[in-house]
Amino acid sequence: MTLHDYRKKHGMTLETLASKVGITKQALALIEAGGGCFLTTATRIVAATGGEVDYLDLVVSKQAASS
């Protein structure tokens, strides 16, 4: 499941999920838009979402994947 899908499924705002993960709303928005993130951040997101979010979707930039 993508980060965006998880957030919508659980009725969470960017602010709510970002707070749960321990990052800024802006950082979460960039990750959700496909910008990728560091492994440590991805690990925290996967833990905060109970494993529902696809780990690889977080660490691989959509732009890099399409190249």
N, C-alpha and C. Protein backbone atom coordinates (compact mmCIF):
# COMPACT_ATOMS: atom_id res chain seq x y z
N MET A 1 0.85 -1.17 0.00
CA MET A 1 0.00 0.00 0.00
C MET A 1 0.90 1.24 0.00
N THR A 2 0.51 2.23 -0.77
CA THR A 2 1.29 3.47 -0.79
C THR A 2 1.02 4.28 0.47
N LEU A 3 1.91 5.20 0.74
CA LEU A 3 1.77 6.07 1.91
C LEU A 3 0.48 6.90 1.81
N HIS A 4 0.21 7.43 0.64
CA HIS A 4 -1.00 8.22 0.43
C HIS A 4 -2.26 7.37 0.68
N ASP A 5 -2.27 6.17 0.12
CA ASP A 5 -3.42 5.27 0.30
C ASP A 5 -3.62 4.94 1.78
N TYR A 6 -2.54 4.67 2.49
CA TYR A 6 -2.63 4.36 3.91
C TYR A 6 -3.25 5.53 4.67
N ARG A 7 -2.73 6.72 4.38
CA ARG A 7 -3.19 7.91 5.09
C ARG A 7 -4.68 8.15 4.86
N LYS A 8 -5.12 8.02 3.62
CA LYS A 8 -6.53 8.21 3.28
C LYS A 8 -7.41 7.12 3.89
N LYS A 9 -6.95 5.87 3.82
CA LYS A 9 -7.71 4.74 4.37
C LYS A 9 -7.99 4.93 5.86
N HIS A 10 -7.01 5.51 6.56
CA HIS A 10 -7.14 5.69 8.00
C HIS A 10 -7.61 7.09 8.39
N GLY A 11 -7.98 7.90 7.39
CA GLY A 11 -8.53 9.23 7.65
C GLY A 11 -7.55 10.17 8.34
N MET A 12 -6.28 10.05 8.01
CA MET A 12 -5.24 10.86 8.66
C MET A 12 -4.84 12.03 7.78
N THR A 13 -4.49 13.13 8.41
CA THR A 13 -3.93 14.26 7.69
C THR A 13 -2.42 14.07 7.59
N LEU A 14 -1.79 14.86 6.74
CA LEU A 14 -0.33 14.83 6.67
C LEU A 14 0.27 15.13 8.04
N GLU A 15 -0.31 16.11 8.73
CA GLU A 15 0.20 16.50 10.04
C GLU A 15 0.11 15.37 11.05
N THR A 16 -1.01 14.67 11.06
CA THR A 16 -1.21 13.59 12.02
C THR A 16 -0.21 12.46 11.80
N LEU A 17 -0.07 12.02 10.56
CA LEU A 17 0.85 10.93 10.27
C LEU A 17 2.30 11.37 10.47
N ALA A 18 2.62 12.58 10.07
CA ALA A 18 3.99 13.08 10.25
C ALA A 18 4.35 13.11 11.73
N SER A 19 3.42 13.51 12.57
CA SER A 19 3.66 13.54 14.01
C SER A 19 3.87 12.13 14.54
N LYS A 20 3.08 11.19 14.06
CA LYS A 20 3.20 9.79 14.49
C LYS A 20 4.56 9.21 14.09
N VAL A 21 5.07 9.62 12.92
CA VAL A 21 6.35 9.12 12.41
C VAL A 21 7.53 9.88 13.04
N GLY A 22 7.29 11.15 13.38
CA GLY A 22 8.36 11.97 13.96
C GLY A 22 9.12 12.78 12.93
N ILE A 23 8.42 13.17 11.85
CA ILE A 23 9.01 14.02 10.82
C ILE A 23 8.07 15.20 10.57
N THR A 24 8.53 16.15 9.76
CA THR A 24 7.69 17.30 9.46
C THR A 24 6.63 16.95 8.41
N LYS A 25 5.58 17.75 8.40
CA LYS A 25 4.52 17.59 7.41
C LYS A 25 5.08 17.76 6.01
N GLN A 26 5.99 18.71 5.84
CA GLN A 26 6.59 18.97 4.53
C GLN A 26 7.41 17.77 4.05
N ALA A 27 8.16 17.16 4.97
CA ALA A 27 8.96 15.98 4.60
C ALA A 27 8.05 14.83 4.19
N LEU A 28 6.98 14.63 4.93
CA LEU A 28 6.05 13.56 4.61
C LEU A 28 5.39 13.80 3.25
N ALA A 29 5.04 15.04 2.96
CA ALA A 29 4.43 15.37 1.67
C ALA A 29 5.39 15.05 0.52
N LEU A 30 6.67 15.35 0.70
CA LEU A 30 7.66 15.04 -0.34
C LEU A 30 7.80 13.54 -0.54
N ILE A 31 7.82 12.80 0.55
CA ILE A 31 7.93 11.34 0.46
C ILE A 31 6.68 10.78 -0.22
N GLU A 32 5.53 11.27 0.18
CA GLU A 32 4.27 10.81 -0.40
C GLU A 32 4.20 11.10 -1.90
N ALA A 33 4.81 12.20 -2.32
CA ALA A 33 4.81 12.58 -3.74
C ALA A 33 5.80 11.76 -4.56
N GLY A 34 6.56 10.88 -3.89
CA GLY A 34 7.46 9.99 -4.63
C GLY A 34 8.91 10.40 -4.57
N GLY A 35 9.27 11.30 -3.68
CA GLY A 35 10.65 11.75 -3.59
C GLY A 35 11.61 10.78 -2.93
N GLY A 36 11.09 9.73 -2.31
CA GLY A 36 11.95 8.79 -1.61
C GLY A 36 12.39 9.35 -0.27
N CYS A 37 13.06 8.52 0.52
CA CYS A 37 13.55 8.96 1.83
C CYS A 37 14.70 8.06 2.27
N PHE A 38 15.33 8.47 3.36
CA PHE A 38 16.41 7.67 3.93
C PHE A 38 15.85 6.38 4.53
N LEU A 39 16.69 5.37 4.63
CA LEU A 39 16.27 4.09 5.18
C LEU A 39 15.74 4.22 6.61
N THR A 40 16.36 5.07 7.40
CA THR A 40 15.91 5.24 8.79
C THR A 40 14.49 5.81 8.83
N THR A 41 14.20 6.75 7.96
CA THR A 41 12.86 7.33 7.91
C THR A 41 11.86 6.30 7.41
N ALA A 42 12.24 5.54 6.39
CA ALA A 42 11.35 4.50 5.86
C ALA A 42 11.02 3.47 6.93
N THR A 43 12.02 3.11 7.72
CA THR A 43 11.81 2.15 8.80
C THR A 43 10.81 2.69 9.81
N ARG A 44 10.92 3.96 10.14
CA ARG A 44 9.99 4.58 11.09
C ARG A 44 8.58 4.64 10.52
N ILE A 45 8.46 4.93 9.22
CA ILE A 45 7.13 4.98 8.58
C ILE A 45 6.49 3.60 8.58
N VAL A 46 7.26 2.59 8.21
CA VAL A 46 6.73 1.22 8.18
C VAL A 46 6.28 0.81 9.58
N ALA A 47 7.07 1.14 10.60
CA ALA A 47 6.69 0.81 11.98
C ALA A 47 5.43 1.56 12.40
N ALA A 48 5.36 2.84 12.06
CA ALA A 48 4.21 3.66 12.46
C ALA A 48 2.92 3.22 11.77
N THR A 49 3.04 2.60 10.61
CA THR A 49 1.86 2.16 9.85
C THR A 49 1.59 0.67 10.03
N GLY A 50 2.29 0.06 10.95
CA GLY A 50 2.07 -1.36 11.21
C GLY A 50 2.41 -2.25 10.04
N GLY A 51 3.32 -1.79 9.20
CA GLY A 51 3.75 -2.58 8.04
C GLY A 51 2.82 -2.52 6.85
N GLU A 52 1.81 -1.69 6.91
CA GLU A 52 0.85 -1.61 5.80
C GLU A 52 1.42 -0.86 4.58
N VAL A 53 2.40 -0.01 4.81
CA VAL A 53 3.00 0.76 3.72
C VAL A 53 4.17 -0.03 3.13
N ASP A 54 4.25 -0.05 1.81
CA ASP A 54 5.30 -0.78 1.11
C ASP A 54 6.65 -0.11 1.31
N TYR A 55 7.57 -0.81 1.95
CA TYR A 55 8.90 -0.28 2.27
C TYR A 55 9.63 0.23 1.02
N LEU A 56 9.61 -0.55 -0.06
CA LEU A 56 10.33 -0.16 -1.27
C LEU A 56 9.74 1.09 -1.91
N ASP A 57 8.45 1.29 -1.74
CA ASP A 57 7.80 2.49 -2.26
C ASP A 57 8.35 3.76 -1.59
N LEU A 58 8.88 3.60 -0.39
CA LEU A 58 9.38 4.74 0.36
C LEU A 58 10.82 5.10 0.03
N VAL A 59 11.65 4.11 -0.21
CA VAL A 59 13.08 4.36 -0.37
C VAL A 59 13.52 4.55 -1.82
N VAL A 60 12.68 4.16 -2.76
CA VAL A 60 13.02 4.31 -4.17
C VAL A 60 12.27 5.48 -4.74
N SER A 61 12.99 6.49 -5.20
CA SER A 61 12.38 7.66 -5.80
C SER A 61 11.64 7.27 -7.06
N LYS A 62 10.45 7.78 -7.26
CA LYS A 62 9.67 7.50 -8.47
C LYS A 62 10.42 7.98 -9.71
N GLN A 63 11.13 9.09 -9.59
CA GLN A 63 11.89 9.61 -10.73
C GLN A 63 13.02 8.67 -11.10
N ALA A 64 13.74 8.16 -10.10
CA ALA A 64 14.86 7.25 -10.37
C ALA A 64 14.35 5.93 -10.94
N ALA A 65 13.21 5.47 -10.47
CA ALA A 65 12.65 4.20 -10.92
C ALA A 65 12.21 4.26 -12.38
N SER A 66 11.82 5.43 -12.85
CA SER A 66 11.34 5.55 -14.22
C SER A 66 12.45 5.82 -15.22
N SER A 67 13.66 6.01 -14.74
CA SER A 67 14.81 6.29 -15.63
C SER A 67 15.32 5.06 -16.29
